C-alpha atoms as a PDB file:
ATOM      1  CA  UNK A   1       2.809   9.801   5.833  1.00  0.00           C
ATOM      2  CA  UNK A   2       5.909  10.069   5.392  1.00  0.00           C
ATOM      3  CA  UNK A   3       8.104  10.160   1.871  1.00  0.00           C
ATOM      4  CA  UNK A   4       5.632   8.849  -0.374  1.00  0.00           C
ATOM      5  CA  UNK A   5       8.333   8.553  -3.798  1.00  0.00           C
ATOM      6  CA  UNK A   6      10.277   6.404  -1.183  1.00  0.00           C
ATOM      7  CA  UNK A   7       6.658   4.567  -0.108  1.00  0.00           C
ATOM      8  CA  UNK A   8       6.775   4.010  -4.301  1.00  0.00           C
ATOM      9  CA  UNK A   9      10.315   2.804  -4.704  1.00  0.00           C
ATOM     10  CA  UNK A  10       9.672   0.346  -1.783  1.00  0.00           C
ATOM     11  CA  UNK A  11       6.541  -1.100  -3.211  1.00  0.00           C
ATOM     12  CA  UNK A  12       7.815  -1.525  -6.560  1.00  0.00           C
ATOM     13  CA  UNK A  13      10.501  -3.540  -5.251  1.00  0.00           C
ATOM     14  CA  UNK A  14       8.846  -5.647  -3.095  1.00  0.00           C
ATOM     15  CA  UNK A  15       5.808  -5.455  -0.269  1.00  0.00           C
ATOM     16  CA  UNK A  16       5.194  -2.833   1.908  1.00  0.00           C
ATOM     17  CA  UNK A  17       2.439  -2.763   4.924  1.00  0.00           C
ATOM     18  CA  UNK A  18       0.225   0.577   5.050  1.00  0.00           C
ATOM     19  CA  UNK A  19      -1.135   0.657   8.373  1.00  0.00           C
ATOM     20  CA  UNK A  20      -4.417   3.448   7.912  1.00  0.00           C
ATOM     21  CA  UNK A  21      -7.782   3.756   9.682  1.00  0.00           C
ATOM     22  CA  UNK A  22     -11.062   2.561   7.104  1.00  0.00           C
ATOM     23  CA  UNK A  23     -13.487   5.635   6.045  1.00  0.00           C
ATOM     24  CA  UNK A  24     -17.045   3.812   6.856  1.00  0.00           C
ATOM     25  CA  UNK A  25     -15.470   2.273  10.689  1.00  0.00           C
ATOM     26  CA  UNK A  26     -12.389   3.954  11.996  1.00  0.00           C
ATOM     27  CA  UNK A  27     -10.661   0.542  11.883  1.00  0.00           C
ATOM     28  CA  UNK A  28      -6.857   0.480  11.993  1.00  0.00           C
ATOM     29  CA  UNK A  29      -6.443  -1.941   8.761  1.00  0.00           C
ATOM     30  CA  UNK A  30      -2.783  -3.331   8.227  1.00  0.00           C
ATOM     31  CA  UNK A  31      -2.254  -4.158   4.960  1.00  0.00           C
ATOM     32  CA  UNK A  32       0.414  -5.765   3.119  1.00  0.00           C
ATOM     33  CA  UNK A  33       0.648  -4.515  -0.408  1.00  0.00           C
ATOM     34  CA  UNK A  34       3.018  -4.329  -3.478  1.00  0.00           C
ATOM     35  CA  UNK A  35       3.359  -2.327  -6.851  1.00  0.00           C
ATOM     36  CA  UNK A  36       5.964  -5.065  -7.634  1.00  0.00           C
ATOM     37  CA  UNK A  37       4.738  -6.997 -10.801  1.00  0.00           C
ATOM     38  CA  UNK A  38       6.339 -10.619  -9.772  1.00  0.00           C
ATOM     39  CA  UNK A  39       4.377 -10.508  -6.537  1.00  0.00           C
ATOM     40  CA  UNK A  40       1.443  -9.144  -7.798  1.00  0.00           C
ATOM     41  CA  UNK A  41       1.381 -12.711 -10.384  1.00  0.00           C
ATOM     42  CA  UNK A  42       1.548 -10.149 -13.198  1.00  0.00           C
ATOM     43  CA  UNK A  43      -1.536  -7.947 -11.770  1.00  0.00           C
ATOM     44  CA  UNK A  44       0.257  -4.488 -11.749  1.00  0.00           C
ATOM     45  CA  UNK A  45       0.502  -3.203 -15.183  1.00  0.00           C
ATOM     46  CA  UNK A  46       3.882  -2.135 -16.164  1.00  0.00           C
ATOM     47  CA  UNK A  47       2.992   1.744 -16.530  1.00  0.00           C
ATOM     48  CA  UNK A  48       1.032   2.028 -13.435  1.00  0.00           C
ATOM     49  CA  UNK A  49       1.400   5.729 -13.107  1.00  0.00           C
ATOM     50  CA  UNK A  50       0.403   7.236  -9.976  1.00  0.00           C
ATOM     51  CA  UNK A  51       0.995  10.921  -9.361  1.00  0.00           C
ATOM     52  CA  UNK A  52       2.165  11.618  -5.505  1.00  0.00           C
ATOM     53  CA  UNK A  53       0.034  14.411  -5.093  1.00  0.00           C
ATOM     54  CA  UNK A  54      -3.116  12.307  -5.701  1.00  0.00           C
ATOM     55  CA  UNK A  55      -4.986  12.077  -2.148  1.00  0.00           C
ATOM     56  CA  UNK A  56      -5.368   8.422  -2.619  1.00  0.00           C
ATOM     57  CA  UNK A  57      -3.203   5.672  -4.191  1.00  0.00           C
ATOM     58  CA  UNK A  58      -4.269   2.084  -5.413  1.00  0.00           C
ATOM     59  CA  UNK A  59      -1.953  -0.704  -4.634  1.00  0.00           C
ATOM     60  CA  UNK A  60      -2.353  -4.660  -4.840  1.00  0.00           C
ATOM     61  CA  UNK A  61      -3.354  -6.124  -1.430  1.00  0.00           C
ATOM     62  CA  UNK A  62      -1.747  -9.065  -1.013  1.00  0.00           C
ATOM     63  CA  UNK A  63      -4.108 -10.431   2.246  1.00  0.00           C
ATOM     64  CA  UNK A  64      -6.793  -9.907  -0.422  1.00  0.00           C
ATOM     65  CA  UNK A  65      -5.366 -10.612  -3.545  1.00  0.00           C
ATOM     66  CA  UNK A  66      -6.800  -8.116  -5.037  1.00  0.00           C
ATOM     67  CA  UNK A  67      -6.611  -4.221  -5.922  1.00  0.00           C
ATOM     68  CA  UNK A  68      -7.360  -1.980  -3.109  1.00  0.00           C
ATOM     69  CA  UNK A  69      -7.210   2.027  -2.159  1.00  0.00           C
ATOM     70  CA  UNK A  70      -6.533   4.027   0.774  1.00  0.00           C
ATOM     71  CA  UNK A  71      -6.958   7.673   1.463  1.00  0.00           C
ATOM     72  CA  UNK A  72      -3.436   9.221   1.793  1.00  0.00           C
ATOM     73  CA  UNK A  73      -5.101  11.555   4.972  1.00  0.00           C
ATOM     74  CA  UNK A  74      -5.973   8.203   7.166  1.00  0.00           C
ATOM     75  CA  UNK A  75      -2.100   6.425   6.724  1.00  0.00           C
ATOM     76  CA  UNK A  76      -0.948   6.084   9.823  1.00  0.00           C
ATOM     77  CA  UNK A  77       2.391   4.468   8.879  1.00  0.00           C
ATOM     78  CA  UNK A  78       4.094   2.660   6.521  1.00  0.00           C
ATOM     79  CA  UNK A  79       7.099   0.377   6.952  1.00  0.00           C
ATOM     80  CA  UNK A  80       9.065  -2.010   4.224  1.00  0.00           C
ATOM     81  CA  UNK A  81       7.602  -5.964   4.763  1.00  0.00           C
ATOM     82  CA  UNK A  82       5.017  -7.490   6.486  1.00  0.00           C
ATOM     83  CA  UNK A  83       2.771  -6.440   8.842  1.00  0.00           C
ATOM     84  CA  UNK A  84       4.593  -6.613  12.239  1.00  0.00           C
ATOM     85  CA  UNK A  85       3.243  -8.801  15.056  1.00  0.00           C
ATOM     86  CA  UNK A  86       1.264  -7.092  18.382  1.00  0.00           C
ATOM     87  CA  UNK A  87       3.084  -7.802  21.673  1.00  0.00           C
END
């Protein structure tokens, strides 16, 4: 996964999409998510601390409107904004 510190900065500022493989099905999941309080309707705690050395991260999932987590070793890519459309 590219620089996790940048991921956290982007997620706290707005929307990021994480593309990762689901553990049970190996299906590619494109998950729009955030750590921004306003975008999560205040579901993200003010002092949410996650250690950059963790093997998984919890985020507010925008399409499910719930907390979701993903394992770092399953991430194929992440980027700022909503999921990219397939061409």
